[in-house]
């Protein structure tokens, strides 16, 4: 009896689980969920006063994975899987032989509807899981619009102090 070329449902499920496992491991090792603050006060331009943020800070957020040029294929796999974000080159002008590339998702809706649900469903296995949980708390504050208030920025800053190796985010004046 000849073998069928049809892929069974079990084969598809197994392949999907292997891919998900690879993504979790890859992001556990190389990924970063980050919240940052960009100082944005009022500033005088030539012909007008450009109004900054009420708090003086813009809150930015992203999910990023960085790899050398020789591993660019891995970033392309992530982009293909998630169908959001972009891949950007960080040109190297030092003594390294290859450029760095980063797969980055910054759009709030893409983070909220694609990236966060994926990592809520398929848990990270390292200490990065805590960073992800903190990232989710911050994104809930952003989603409510509270990042535009002094209280919200302070709340986010306190959460981020514990993220990514417990660095101090910034001091609010």
Protein backbone atom coordinates (compact mmCIF):
# COMPACT_ATOMS: atom_id res chain seq x y z
CA UNK A 1 0.00 0.00 0.00
CA UNK A 2 1.55 3.35 -1.03
CA UNK A 3 2.17 6.03 1.59
CA UNK A 4 -0.10 9.04 1.48
CA UNK A 5 1.40 12.49 0.93
CA UNK A 6 -1.31 14.02 3.10
CA UNK A 7 -0.15 15.53 6.37
CA UNK A 8 -2.29 14.41 9.27
CA UNK A 9 -3.85 16.70 11.82
CA UNK A 10 -1.54 15.23 14.47
CA UNK A 11 1.51 16.06 12.33
CA UNK A 12 0.33 19.65 11.95
CA UNK A 13 -0.28 19.95 15.70
CA UNK A 14 3.17 18.52 16.48
CA UNK A 15 4.85 20.93 14.03
CA UNK A 16 2.92 23.86 15.50
CA UNK A 17 3.95 22.93 19.05
CA UNK A 18 7.60 22.63 18.01
CA UNK A 19 7.41 26.11 16.41
CA UNK A 20 5.77 27.59 19.54
CA UNK A 21 8.39 25.94 21.74
CA UNK A 22 11.15 27.39 19.55
CA UNK A 23 9.60 30.89 19.81
CA UNK A 24 9.31 30.67 23.60
CA UNK A 25 12.93 29.50 23.95
CA UNK A 26 14.23 32.07 21.50
CA UNK A 27 12.43 34.97 23.18
CA UNK A 28 13.42 33.70 26.64
CA UNK A 29 17.05 33.94 25.54
CA UNK A 30 17.08 36.92 23.19
CA UNK A 31 13.85 38.90 23.60
CA UNK A 32 13.04 42.02 25.56
CA UNK A 33 9.78 43.62 26.69
CA UNK A 34 10.56 47.22 27.49
CA UNK A 35 8.94 50.42 28.65
CA UNK A 36 10.90 53.64 28.24
CA UNK A 37 10.47 57.32 28.97
CA UNK A 38 11.37 60.09 26.53
CA UNK A 39 11.56 63.59 27.96
CA UNK A 40 9.03 65.71 26.02
CA UNK A 41 8.61 69.12 27.66
CA UNK A 42 7.28 72.25 25.96
CA UNK A 43 9.95 73.71 23.66
CA UNK A 44 10.28 76.84 21.61
CA UNK A 45 10.63 76.35 17.86
CA UNK A 46 11.36 79.16 15.40
CA UNK A 47 7.76 80.23 14.89
CA UNK A 48 5.80 78.57 17.66
CA UNK A 49 5.85 76.96 21.07
CA UNK A 50 5.64 73.23 20.60
CA UNK A 51 3.62 71.75 23.42
CA UNK A 52 5.11 68.69 25.05
CA UNK A 53 3.36 66.05 27.12
CA UNK A 54 1.48 67.24 30.21
CA UNK A 55 3.74 65.07 32.33
CA UNK A 56 6.89 66.11 30.48
CA UNK A 57 7.48 62.49 29.40
CA UNK A 58 6.33 60.28 26.56
CA UNK A 59 5.93 56.61 27.51
CA UNK A 60 7.16 54.24 24.80
CA UNK A 61 6.82 50.47 24.73
CA UNK A 62 8.07 47.63 22.56
CA UNK A 63 8.82 43.96 22.16
CA UNK A 64 12.23 43.41 20.56
CA UNK A 65 14.51 40.53 19.61
CA UNK A 66 18.06 41.34 18.40
CA UNK A 67 20.37 39.10 16.36
CA UNK A 68 23.49 39.40 14.28
CA UNK A 69 23.21 39.40 10.50
CA UNK A 70 24.13 35.72 10.33
CA UNK A 71 20.94 34.92 12.32
CA UNK A 72 18.61 37.25 10.41
CA UNK A 73 16.63 34.21 9.24
CA UNK A 74 15.46 33.65 12.83
CA UNK A 75 14.01 37.16 13.03
CA UNK A 76 12.26 36.64 9.71
CA UNK A 77 10.64 33.50 11.16
CA UNK A 78 9.31 35.53 14.10
CA UNK A 79 7.91 38.22 11.82
CA UNK A 80 6.31 35.61 9.58
CA UNK A 81 4.74 33.85 12.56
CA UNK A 82 3.35 36.95 14.30
CA UNK A 83 2.52 38.90 11.10
CA UNK A 84 3.20 42.21 12.88
CA UNK A 85 6.19 44.44 13.54
CA UNK A 86 9.26 45.00 11.43
CA UNK A 87 12.91 44.09 11.07
CA UNK A 88 15.42 46.94 11.24
CA UNK A 89 19.17 47.08 10.77
CA UNK A 90 21.52 48.59 13.34
CA UNK A 91 24.62 49.27 11.28
CA UNK A 92 27.89 48.53 13.07
CA UNK A 93 30.79 50.91 12.67
CA UNK A 94 33.02 49.31 15.26
CA UNK A 95 35.29 46.29 15.12
CA UNK A 96 32.43 43.78 14.80
CA UNK A 97 32.11 42.01 11.48
CA UNK A 98 28.35 41.95 11.12
CA UNK A 99 25.46 44.34 11.57
CA UNK A 100 22.79 43.74 14.17
CA UNK A 101 19.14 43.35 13.24
CA UNK A 102 16.12 43.72 15.47
CA UNK A 103 12.62 42.42 15.13
CA UNK A 104 10.51 45.06 16.83
CA UNK A 105 6.80 45.47 17.59
CA UNK A 106 5.85 48.95 18.82
CA UNK A 107 2.28 49.43 17.67
CA UNK A 108 -0.01 49.37 20.71
CA UNK A 109 -2.75 47.36 18.97
CA UNK A 110 -0.24 44.75 17.73
CA UNK A 111 1.21 44.38 21.22
CA UNK A 112 -2.26 44.21 22.78
CA UNK A 113 -3.88 41.87 20.24
CA UNK A 114 -1.00 39.64 19.06
CA UNK A 115 2.14 39.65 21.20
CA UNK A 116 0.66 39.85 24.71
CA UNK A 117 -2.03 37.16 24.12
CA UNK A 118 0.59 34.79 22.65
CA UNK A 119 2.88 35.05 25.68
CA UNK A 120 -0.08 34.85 28.06
CA UNK A 121 -1.13 31.60 26.43
CA UNK A 122 2.41 30.18 26.08
CA UNK A 123 4.41 31.16 29.17
CA UNK A 124 8.04 32.19 29.08
CA UNK A 125 10.18 29.85 31.18
CA UNK A 126 12.89 32.14 32.57
CA UNK A 127 13.02 35.27 34.73
CA UNK A 128 11.86 37.08 31.59
CA UNK A 129 8.34 35.97 32.51
CA UNK A 130 8.35 38.53 35.37
CA UNK A 131 9.45 41.26 32.94
CA UNK A 132 6.60 40.24 30.65
CA UNK A 133 4.09 40.39 33.52
CA UNK A 134 5.34 43.88 34.45
CA UNK A 135 5.13 44.89 30.79
CA UNK A 136 1.48 43.75 30.73
CA UNK A 137 0.69 45.83 33.85
CA UNK A 138 2.21 48.89 32.19
CA UNK A 139 0.33 48.27 28.95
CA UNK A 140 -2.97 48.12 30.88
CA UNK A 141 -2.18 51.58 32.26
CA UNK A 142 -1.36 52.79 28.73
CA UNK A 143 -4.52 51.21 27.30
CA UNK A 144 -6.64 53.19 29.78
CA UNK A 145 -4.84 56.39 28.78
CA UNK A 146 -3.45 56.87 32.28
CA UNK A 147 0.12 57.14 30.95
CA UNK A 148 -0.83 60.68 29.99
CA UNK A 149 -1.24 61.66 33.67
CA UNK A 150 1.41 62.33 36.29
CA UNK A 151 0.00 59.58 38.52
CA UNK A 152 0.05 57.07 35.64
CA UNK A 153 3.64 57.88 34.62
CA UNK A 154 4.77 57.47 38.24
CA UNK A 155 2.89 54.18 38.48
CA UNK A 156 4.58 52.91 35.29
CA UNK A 157 8.00 54.12 36.49
CA UNK A 158 7.62 52.15 39.74
CA UNK A 159 6.74 48.99 37.81
CA UNK A 160 9.63 49.39 35.36
CA UNK A 161 12.18 49.77 38.16
CA UNK A 162 11.83 46.01 38.67
CA UNK A 163 12.12 45.11 34.97
CA UNK A 164 15.14 44.04 32.95
CA UNK A 165 17.71 43.49 35.69
CA UNK A 166 16.14 45.88 38.20
CA UNK A 167 17.47 49.09 36.73
CA UNK A 168 16.10 52.40 37.98
CA UNK A 169 13.82 53.80 35.26
CA UNK A 170 14.07 57.51 36.02
CA UNK A 171 13.25 60.03 38.72
CA UNK A 172 10.15 62.14 38.27
CA UNK A 173 10.70 65.78 39.32
